[in-house]
N, C-alpha and C. Protein backbone atom coordinates (compact mmCIF):
# COMPACT_ATOMS: atom_id res chain seq x y z
N MET A 1 0.85 -1.16 0.00
CA MET A 1 0.00 0.00 0.00
C MET A 1 0.90 1.23 0.00
N ASP A 2 0.56 2.16 -0.81
CA ASP A 2 1.39 3.36 -0.86
C ASP A 2 0.98 4.35 0.23
N ALA A 3 1.74 5.39 0.44
CA ALA A 3 1.54 6.36 1.51
C ALA A 3 0.24 7.14 1.34
N ALA A 4 -0.13 7.45 0.11
CA ALA A 4 -1.36 8.20 -0.14
C ALA A 4 -2.58 7.38 0.28
N ALA A 5 -2.57 6.08 -0.02
CA ALA A 5 -3.69 5.22 0.35
C ALA A 5 -3.79 5.09 1.86
N ALA A 6 -2.66 4.94 2.55
CA ALA A 6 -2.65 4.82 4.00
C ALA A 6 -3.18 6.09 4.64
N LEU A 7 -2.81 7.23 4.09
CA LEU A 7 -3.27 8.50 4.59
C LEU A 7 -4.78 8.63 4.41
N THR A 8 -5.30 8.18 3.29
CA THR A 8 -6.73 8.23 3.01
C THR A 8 -7.50 7.37 4.00
N ILE A 9 -7.01 6.18 4.29
CA ILE A 9 -7.69 5.27 5.22
C ILE A 9 -7.68 5.86 6.61
N ARG A 10 -6.56 6.40 7.06
CA ARG A 10 -6.50 7.00 8.39
C ARG A 10 -7.44 8.20 8.51
N CYS A 11 -7.62 8.96 7.46
CA CYS A 11 -8.51 10.12 7.51
C CYS A 11 -9.96 9.68 7.56
N GLU A 12 -10.31 8.57 6.89
CA GLU A 12 -11.69 8.11 6.86
C GLU A 12 -12.08 7.46 8.18
N GLU A 13 -11.19 6.76 8.85
CA GLU A 13 -11.53 6.08 10.09
C GLU A 13 -12.02 7.04 11.17
N PRO A 14 -11.35 8.12 11.48
CA PRO A 14 -11.87 9.03 12.49
C PRO A 14 -13.21 9.65 12.07
N ASP A 15 -13.41 9.85 10.76
CA ASP A 15 -14.66 10.41 10.27
C ASP A 15 -15.83 9.48 10.59
N LEU A 16 -15.68 8.18 10.37
CA LEU A 16 -16.74 7.22 10.69
C LEU A 16 -16.98 7.15 12.20
N LYS A 17 -15.89 7.16 12.95
CA LYS A 17 -16.01 7.11 14.40
C LYS A 17 -16.73 8.35 14.91
N GLU A 18 -16.41 9.50 14.36
CA GLU A 18 -17.04 10.75 14.75
C GLU A 18 -18.53 10.74 14.41
N ARG A 19 -18.87 10.24 13.23
CA ARG A 19 -20.28 10.16 12.84
C ARG A 19 -21.05 9.23 13.78
N TYR A 20 -20.43 8.12 14.13
CA TYR A 20 -21.05 7.19 15.06
C TYR A 20 -21.29 7.86 16.41
N GLN A 21 -20.31 8.60 16.91
CA GLN A 21 -20.45 9.28 18.19
C GLN A 21 -21.56 10.34 18.14
N VAL A 22 -21.63 11.06 17.05
CA VAL A 22 -22.68 12.07 16.91
C VAL A 22 -24.05 11.39 16.88
N ALA A 23 -24.16 10.31 16.11
CA ALA A 23 -25.43 9.59 16.03
C ALA A 23 -25.84 9.06 17.40
N MET A 24 -24.92 8.50 18.15
CA MET A 24 -25.23 7.97 19.48
C MET A 24 -25.60 9.10 20.43
N ALA A 25 -24.96 10.25 20.30
CA ALA A 25 -25.31 11.39 21.13
C ALA A 25 -26.73 11.85 20.85
N VAL A 26 -27.12 11.90 19.58
CA VAL A 26 -28.48 12.30 19.20
C VAL A 26 -29.49 11.31 19.76
N VAL A 27 -29.22 10.02 19.62
CA VAL A 27 -30.11 8.99 20.16
C VAL A 27 -30.22 9.13 21.67
N GLY A 28 -29.11 9.36 22.34
CA GLY A 28 -29.10 9.52 23.79
C GLY A 28 -29.91 10.72 24.23
N ILE A 29 -29.76 11.83 23.54
CA ILE A 29 -30.51 13.05 23.87
C ILE A 29 -32.00 12.81 23.66
N ALA A 30 -32.37 12.16 22.57
CA ALA A 30 -33.77 11.87 22.30
C ALA A 30 -34.35 10.97 23.39
N ALA A 31 -33.60 9.96 23.79
CA ALA A 31 -34.07 9.06 24.85
C ALA A 31 -34.23 9.81 26.17
N MET A 32 -33.30 10.69 26.48
CA MET A 32 -33.41 11.48 27.71
C MET A 32 -34.62 12.41 27.65
N ALA A 33 -34.91 12.99 26.48
CA ALA A 33 -36.06 13.88 26.33
C ALA A 33 -37.36 13.11 26.56
N VAL A 34 -37.46 11.91 26.01
CA VAL A 34 -38.65 11.09 26.20
C VAL A 34 -38.80 10.73 27.68
N LEU A 35 -37.73 10.34 28.31
CA LEU A 35 -37.76 10.02 29.73
C LEU A 35 -38.16 11.24 30.56
N PHE A 36 -37.62 12.39 30.24
CA PHE A 36 -37.95 13.63 30.94
C PHE A 36 -39.45 13.92 30.82
N LEU A 37 -40.00 13.81 29.61
CA LEU A 37 -41.43 14.08 29.42
C LEU A 37 -42.28 13.08 30.19
N PHE A 38 -41.86 11.84 30.23
CA PHE A 38 -42.59 10.82 30.99
C PHE A 38 -42.60 11.17 32.47
N VAL A 39 -41.45 11.53 33.01
CA VAL A 39 -41.34 11.87 34.43
C VAL A 39 -42.16 13.11 34.75
N VAL A 40 -42.08 14.14 33.93
CA VAL A 40 -42.86 15.36 34.15
C VAL A 40 -44.34 15.03 34.12
N ASN A 41 -44.78 14.22 33.17
CA ASN A 41 -46.18 13.84 33.07
C ASN A 41 -46.64 13.13 34.34
N ARG A 42 -45.82 12.27 34.88
CA ARG A 42 -46.17 11.56 36.11
C ARG A 42 -46.16 12.49 37.33
N LEU A 43 -45.22 13.42 37.37
CA LEU A 43 -45.17 14.36 38.49
C LEU A 43 -46.39 15.27 38.51
N ILE A 44 -46.81 15.70 37.36
CA ILE A 44 -48.00 16.55 37.28
C ILE A 44 -49.24 15.74 37.63
N GLY A 45 -49.22 14.49 37.30
CA GLY A 45 -50.33 13.62 37.68
C GLY A 45 -51.44 13.56 36.66
N ARG A 46 -51.24 14.09 35.48
CA ARG A 46 -52.30 14.09 34.47
C ARG A 46 -52.29 12.74 33.75
N HIS A 47 -53.40 12.09 33.80
CA HIS A 47 -53.53 10.84 33.08
C HIS A 47 -55.00 10.52 32.86
N ARG A 48 -55.25 9.77 31.84
CA ARG A 48 -56.60 9.31 31.55
C ARG A 48 -56.95 8.25 32.58
N LEU A 49 -58.23 8.09 32.83
CA LEU A 49 -58.64 7.18 33.87
C LEU A 49 -59.19 5.82 33.44
N PRO A 50 -59.24 5.47 32.17
CA PRO A 50 -59.82 4.17 31.85
C PRO A 50 -59.18 3.01 32.58
N HIS A 51 -57.93 3.13 32.95
CA HIS A 51 -57.26 2.03 33.63
C HIS A 51 -57.59 1.98 35.12
N SER A 52 -58.25 2.99 35.65
CA SER A 52 -58.52 3.06 37.08
C SER A 52 -60.01 2.88 37.34
N ALA A 53 -60.42 1.65 37.59
CA ALA A 53 -61.83 1.34 37.80
C ALA A 53 -62.40 2.07 39.02
N GLU A 54 -61.59 2.23 40.05
CA GLU A 54 -62.06 2.89 41.27
C GLU A 54 -62.44 4.35 41.00
N TYR A 55 -61.56 5.09 40.30
CA TYR A 55 -61.86 6.49 39.97
C TYR A 55 -63.05 6.58 39.02
N ARG A 56 -63.07 5.73 38.03
CA ARG A 56 -64.18 5.75 37.07
C ARG A 56 -65.50 5.55 37.78
N LEU A 57 -65.56 4.57 38.65
CA LEU A 57 -66.79 4.28 39.37
C LEU A 57 -67.20 5.44 40.27
N ALA A 58 -66.25 6.01 41.00
CA ALA A 58 -66.57 7.14 41.88
C ALA A 58 -67.08 8.34 41.09
N LEU A 59 -66.44 8.63 39.97
CA LEU A 59 -66.88 9.77 39.16
C LEU A 59 -68.22 9.48 38.48
N GLN A 60 -68.39 8.28 38.00
CA GLN A 60 -69.66 7.91 37.38
C GLN A 60 -70.80 8.04 38.40
N GLN A 61 -70.58 7.55 39.61
CA GLN A 61 -71.61 7.65 40.65
C GLN A 61 -71.89 9.10 41.02
N ALA A 62 -70.85 9.93 41.02
CA ALA A 62 -71.06 11.35 41.32
C ALA A 62 -71.92 12.02 40.25
N VAL A 63 -71.64 11.72 38.98
CA VAL A 63 -72.43 12.29 37.89
C VAL A 63 -73.86 11.79 37.96
N GLU A 64 -74.02 10.48 38.06
CA GLU A 64 -75.36 9.91 38.10
C GLU A 64 -76.15 10.38 39.31
N GLY A 65 -75.47 10.51 40.45
CA GLY A 65 -76.14 11.00 41.66
C GLY A 65 -76.64 12.43 41.49
N PHE A 66 -75.78 13.28 40.94
CA PHE A 66 -76.16 14.68 40.71
C PHE A 66 -77.35 14.76 39.75
N VAL A 67 -77.24 14.09 38.62
CA VAL A 67 -78.32 14.13 37.62
C VAL A 67 -79.61 13.56 38.21
N GLY A 68 -79.51 12.50 38.99
CA GLY A 68 -80.69 11.92 39.64
C GLY A 68 -81.33 12.86 40.63
N GLU A 69 -80.52 13.54 41.43
CA GLU A 69 -81.06 14.50 42.42
C GLU A 69 -81.78 15.64 41.71
N VAL A 70 -81.20 16.14 40.64
CA VAL A 70 -81.82 17.24 39.90
C VAL A 70 -83.13 16.78 39.28
N LYS A 71 -83.13 15.61 38.66
CA LYS A 71 -84.33 15.08 38.01
C LYS A 71 -85.45 14.89 39.02
N ALA A 72 -85.11 14.49 40.24
CA ALA A 72 -86.10 14.28 41.31
C ALA A 72 -86.43 15.58 42.04
N THR A 73 -85.91 16.69 41.56
CA THR A 73 -86.07 18.04 42.16
C THR A 73 -85.62 18.09 43.61
N ARG A 74 -84.62 17.29 43.93
CA ARG A 74 -84.00 17.37 45.26
C ARG A 74 -82.78 18.29 45.13
N TYR A 75 -83.08 19.57 44.98
CA TYR A 75 -82.04 20.56 44.69
C TYR A 75 -81.06 20.73 45.85
N GLU A 76 -81.56 20.61 47.08
CA GLU A 76 -80.67 20.75 48.23
C GLU A 76 -79.65 19.60 48.25
N ALA A 77 -80.10 18.39 47.94
CA ALA A 77 -79.18 17.24 47.87
C ALA A 77 -78.19 17.41 46.73
N ALA A 78 -78.66 17.95 45.60
CA ALA A 78 -77.76 18.21 44.47
C ALA A 78 -76.73 19.27 44.86
N PHE A 79 -77.18 20.29 45.59
CA PHE A 79 -76.28 21.37 46.04
C PHE A 79 -75.20 20.82 46.96
N GLU A 80 -75.53 19.83 47.78
CA GLU A 80 -74.56 19.21 48.68
C GLU A 80 -73.47 18.47 47.92
N ARG A 81 -73.72 18.12 46.68
CA ARG A 81 -72.73 17.43 45.85
C ARG A 81 -71.72 18.41 45.24
N MET A 82 -71.99 19.70 45.38
CA MET A 82 -71.10 20.73 44.85
C MET A 82 -69.92 20.93 45.79
N SER A 83 -68.84 21.51 45.27
CA SER A 83 -67.65 21.75 46.09
C SER A 83 -67.94 22.81 47.15
N ALA A 84 -67.14 22.80 48.20
CA ALA A 84 -67.29 23.80 49.26
C ALA A 84 -67.10 25.21 48.72
N ALA A 85 -66.14 25.38 47.83
CA ALA A 85 -65.91 26.71 47.24
C ALA A 85 -67.12 27.15 46.42
N TYR A 86 -67.72 26.24 45.69
CA TYR A 86 -68.92 26.58 44.91
C TYR A 86 -70.05 26.99 45.85
N GLN A 87 -70.27 26.20 46.89
CA GLN A 87 -71.34 26.49 47.85
C GLN A 87 -71.13 27.83 48.55
N ALA A 88 -69.87 28.21 48.76
CA ALA A 88 -69.57 29.49 49.40
C ALA A 88 -69.87 30.66 48.48
N GLY A 89 -69.82 30.44 47.17
CA GLY A 89 -70.00 31.54 46.22
C GLY A 89 -71.36 31.64 45.59
N VAL A 90 -72.17 30.59 45.70
CA VAL A 90 -73.49 30.56 45.07
C VAL A 90 -74.50 30.13 46.12
N SER A 91 -75.60 30.86 46.21
CA SER A 91 -76.62 30.50 47.19
C SER A 91 -77.45 29.31 46.69
N LEU A 92 -78.07 28.61 47.62
CA LEU A 92 -78.95 27.50 47.26
C LEU A 92 -80.09 28.00 46.37
N GLN A 93 -80.59 29.20 46.64
CA GLN A 93 -81.69 29.75 45.83
C GLN A 93 -81.24 29.98 44.39
N GLN A 94 -80.06 30.57 44.19
CA GLN A 94 -79.54 30.78 42.83
C GLN A 94 -79.37 29.44 42.11
N PHE A 95 -78.83 28.48 42.82
CA PHE A 95 -78.60 27.15 42.28
C PHE A 95 -79.93 26.51 41.87
N GLN A 96 -80.90 26.56 42.76
CA GLN A 96 -82.21 25.97 42.50
C GLN A 96 -82.90 26.64 41.31
N GLU A 97 -82.83 27.95 41.23
CA GLU A 97 -83.45 28.67 40.11
C GLU A 97 -82.81 28.28 38.78
N ALA A 98 -81.49 28.14 38.78
CA ALA A 98 -80.80 27.77 37.55
C ALA A 98 -81.18 26.35 37.12
N LEU A 99 -81.24 25.44 38.06
CA LEU A 99 -81.58 24.06 37.72
C LEU A 99 -83.03 23.91 37.28
N SER A 100 -83.93 24.56 37.99
CA SER A 100 -85.35 24.41 37.66
C SER A 100 -85.70 25.04 36.32
N SER A 101 -84.90 25.98 35.86
CA SER A 101 -85.18 26.63 34.57
C SER A 101 -84.40 26.01 33.41
N ASN A 102 -83.60 24.99 33.68
CA ASN A 102 -82.78 24.38 32.63
C ASN A 102 -83.48 23.12 32.09
N PRO A 103 -84.01 23.19 30.87
CA PRO A 103 -84.76 22.04 30.33
C PRO A 103 -83.90 20.79 30.12
N TYR A 104 -82.61 20.96 29.93
CA TYR A 104 -81.74 19.80 29.74
C TYR A 104 -81.49 19.08 31.04
N LEU A 105 -81.30 19.82 32.12
CA LEU A 105 -81.00 19.19 33.40
C LEU A 105 -82.24 18.69 34.13
N ARG A 106 -83.36 19.38 33.96
CA ARG A 106 -84.57 19.03 34.72
C ARG A 106 -85.02 17.59 34.55
N GLN A 107 -84.98 17.08 33.35
CA GLN A 107 -85.46 15.73 33.09
C GLN A 107 -84.40 14.85 32.44
N ALA A 108 -83.16 15.15 32.71
CA ALA A 108 -82.06 14.46 32.01
C ALA A 108 -81.78 13.08 32.58
N HIS A 109 -81.20 12.28 31.74
CA HIS A 109 -80.56 11.04 32.17
C HIS A 109 -79.27 10.91 31.37
N ILE A 110 -78.33 10.16 31.92
CA ILE A 110 -77.03 10.00 31.27
C ILE A 110 -77.20 9.01 30.12
N ALA A 111 -76.92 9.48 28.91
CA ALA A 111 -77.01 8.60 27.74
C ALA A 111 -75.70 7.86 27.53
N GLY A 112 -74.63 8.39 28.07
CA GLY A 112 -73.34 7.73 27.93
C GLY A 112 -72.21 8.61 28.41
N ILE A 113 -71.22 7.97 29.01
CA ILE A 113 -70.02 8.68 29.43
C ILE A 113 -68.92 8.31 28.45
N ARG A 114 -68.28 9.32 27.89
CA ARG A 114 -67.27 9.09 26.85
C ARG A 114 -65.84 9.11 27.37
N ASP A 115 -65.58 9.94 28.39
CA ASP A 115 -64.19 10.11 28.79
C ASP A 115 -64.10 10.52 30.25
N TYR A 116 -63.07 10.02 30.89
CA TYR A 116 -62.72 10.41 32.26
C TYR A 116 -61.30 10.93 32.20
N GLU A 117 -61.05 12.07 32.82
CA GLU A 117 -59.70 12.61 32.84
C GLU A 117 -59.43 13.17 34.23
N GLN A 118 -58.24 12.88 34.75
CA GLN A 118 -57.86 13.37 36.06
C GLN A 118 -56.54 14.11 35.96
N MET A 119 -56.42 15.19 36.75
CA MET A 119 -55.17 15.92 36.88
C MET A 119 -55.04 16.30 38.35
N GLY A 120 -54.27 15.51 39.07
CA GLY A 120 -54.11 15.75 40.50
C GLY A 120 -55.43 15.58 41.22
N ASP A 121 -55.87 16.63 41.91
CA ASP A 121 -57.12 16.59 42.67
C ASP A 121 -58.31 17.13 41.90
N THR A 122 -58.18 17.23 40.58
CA THR A 122 -59.30 17.64 39.76
C THR A 122 -59.57 16.57 38.71
N ALA A 123 -60.79 16.55 38.22
CA ALA A 123 -61.16 15.57 37.20
C ALA A 123 -62.28 16.14 36.35
N ALA A 124 -62.46 15.54 35.20
CA ALA A 124 -63.56 15.92 34.31
C ALA A 124 -64.16 14.66 33.71
N VAL A 125 -65.48 14.66 33.62
CA VAL A 125 -66.20 13.56 33.00
C VAL A 125 -66.97 14.15 31.82
N THR A 126 -66.76 13.59 30.64
CA THR A 126 -67.43 14.05 29.44
C THR A 126 -68.43 12.98 29.02
N GLY A 127 -69.64 13.43 28.70
CA GLY A 127 -70.67 12.47 28.29
C GLY A 127 -71.78 13.16 27.54
N VAL A 128 -72.90 12.48 27.47
CA VAL A 128 -74.08 13.00 26.78
C VAL A 128 -75.27 12.88 27.72
N LEU A 129 -76.02 13.97 27.84
CA LEU A 129 -77.28 13.95 28.58
C LEU A 129 -78.42 13.94 27.57
N GLU A 130 -79.45 13.20 27.89
CA GLU A 130 -80.65 13.19 27.05
C GLU A 130 -81.84 13.58 27.91
N SER A 131 -82.72 14.35 27.31
CA SER A 131 -83.97 14.73 27.97
C SER A 131 -84.99 15.01 26.89
N GLN A 132 -86.19 15.43 27.29
CA GLN A 132 -87.21 15.79 26.31
C GLN A 132 -86.76 16.97 25.46
N ALA A 133 -85.84 17.77 25.99
CA ALA A 133 -85.32 18.92 25.25
C ALA A 133 -84.32 18.49 24.18
N GLY A 134 -83.87 17.25 24.23
CA GLY A 134 -82.91 16.75 23.25
C GLY A 134 -81.65 16.21 23.91
N SER A 135 -80.66 15.92 23.09
CA SER A 135 -79.36 15.43 23.57
C SER A 135 -78.36 16.57 23.57
N VAL A 136 -77.49 16.56 24.55
CA VAL A 136 -76.48 17.62 24.63
C VAL A 136 -75.20 17.06 25.23
N ALA A 137 -74.07 17.52 24.70
CA ALA A 137 -72.77 17.14 25.26
C ALA A 137 -72.63 17.80 26.63
N ALA A 138 -72.15 17.03 27.59
CA ALA A 138 -72.02 17.54 28.96
C ALA A 138 -70.62 17.28 29.49
N VAL A 139 -70.10 18.24 30.24
CA VAL A 139 -68.83 18.06 30.93
C VAL A 139 -69.05 18.41 32.39
N PHE A 140 -68.76 17.46 33.26
CA PHE A 140 -68.85 17.66 34.70
C PHE A 140 -67.43 17.81 35.22
N SER A 141 -67.15 18.92 35.87
CA SER A 141 -65.82 19.18 36.42
C SER A 141 -65.86 18.93 37.92
N PHE A 142 -64.80 18.31 38.42
CA PHE A 142 -64.75 17.90 39.82
C PHE A 142 -63.48 18.36 40.52
N SER A 143 -63.60 18.44 41.84
CA SER A 143 -62.46 18.69 42.72
C SER A 143 -62.53 17.63 43.82
N ARG A 144 -61.37 17.07 44.14
CA ARG A 144 -61.33 16.05 45.20
C ARG A 144 -61.38 16.76 46.55
N GLN A 145 -62.36 16.39 47.36
CA GLN A 145 -62.50 16.97 48.70
C GLN A 145 -62.65 15.82 49.69
N ASP A 146 -61.66 15.70 50.55
CA ASP A 146 -61.63 14.61 51.52
C ASP A 146 -61.73 13.28 50.79
N ASP A 147 -62.82 12.55 51.00
CA ASP A 147 -62.95 11.22 50.40
C ASP A 147 -63.95 11.18 49.26
N ARG A 148 -64.29 12.33 48.67
CA ARG A 148 -65.29 12.33 47.60
C ARG A 148 -64.91 13.30 46.49
N TRP A 149 -65.52 13.09 45.34
CA TRP A 149 -65.39 14.01 44.22
C TRP A 149 -66.56 14.99 44.29
N ALA A 150 -66.26 16.28 44.48
CA ALA A 150 -67.28 17.31 44.55
C ALA A 150 -67.35 18.04 43.21
N ILE A 151 -68.55 18.35 42.77
CA ILE A 151 -68.74 19.02 41.49
C ILE A 151 -68.36 20.49 41.61
N VAL A 152 -67.57 20.94 40.67
CA VAL A 152 -67.16 22.34 40.59
C VAL A 152 -68.04 23.08 39.59
N GLY A 153 -68.43 22.39 38.53
CA GLY A 153 -69.28 23.02 37.53
C GLY A 153 -69.72 22.03 36.47
N VAL A 154 -70.70 22.46 35.69
CA VAL A 154 -71.26 21.63 34.62
C VAL A 154 -71.40 22.51 33.39
N THR A 155 -70.96 22.01 32.25
CA THR A 155 -71.22 22.71 31.00
C THR A 155 -72.05 21.80 30.12
N LEU A 156 -73.00 22.40 29.42
CA LEU A 156 -73.86 21.69 28.48
C LEU A 156 -73.68 22.34 27.12
N GLY A 157 -73.25 21.57 26.17
CA GLY A 157 -72.99 22.13 24.84
C GLY A 157 -71.94 23.22 24.86
N GLY A 158 -71.01 23.14 25.81
CA GLY A 158 -69.93 24.12 25.93
C GLY A 158 -70.32 25.38 26.69
N VAL A 159 -71.55 25.45 27.19
CA VAL A 159 -72.04 26.63 27.91
C VAL A 159 -72.22 26.28 29.39
N PRO A 160 -71.74 27.12 30.31
CA PRO A 160 -71.93 26.83 31.73
C PRO A 160 -73.42 26.71 32.05
N ALA A 161 -73.77 25.63 32.76
CA ALA A 161 -75.17 25.36 33.09
C ALA A 161 -75.53 25.79 34.50
N LEU A 162 -74.53 26.18 35.27
CA LEU A 162 -74.77 26.56 36.67
C LEU A 162 -74.26 27.96 36.93
N PRO A 163 -74.92 28.69 37.82
CA PRO A 163 -74.43 30.04 38.15
C PRO A 163 -73.09 29.95 38.85
N GLY A 164 -72.27 30.95 38.62
CA GLY A 164 -70.98 31.03 39.30
C GLY A 164 -69.90 30.14 38.71
N TYR A 165 -70.15 29.59 37.53
CA TYR A 165 -69.17 28.70 36.91
C TYR A 165 -68.95 29.16 35.47
N GLY A 166 -67.69 29.30 35.11
CA GLY A 166 -67.36 29.66 33.73
C GLY A 166 -67.27 31.17 33.54
N PRO A 167 -67.13 31.59 32.29
CA PRO A 167 -66.97 33.03 32.01
C PRO A 167 -68.23 33.80 32.31
N GLY A 168 -68.03 35.05 32.65
CA GLY A 168 -69.18 35.92 32.88
C GLY A 168 -69.42 36.12 34.26
């Protein structure tokens, strides 16, 4: 082998080694980024609930209980299902007036629950309510208080259905 060929081989070898190191560094950084996002996601506590039968059942019972109380015109019992902060900001009379004048809530039943989502001590249940007024998409927002899920607010068709909840 002549000197020029030996020089060419020596120059190419570090180039391949350098490319390999760069590629491995990129793979390592990508793996660390994925791991970081996973850890942050777990620390924040945001996750879907289909895997957690206990949470699903508790939230489902809270939604069904609230809708049942309203349908039976037991407004005081429905009000007790609201969060302490909600109860402090909205009177029972305001709550009762809003529920009794809402055609979707007055005679509603749960047609189906589509999604459960939890983030720390808050959760949301998305579903469909049906009544004589028709079907409407519903979102029930919750806050964990002691050993129960308390309702923070309800939106029907994207519009707040209760006083003191949402914009305005």
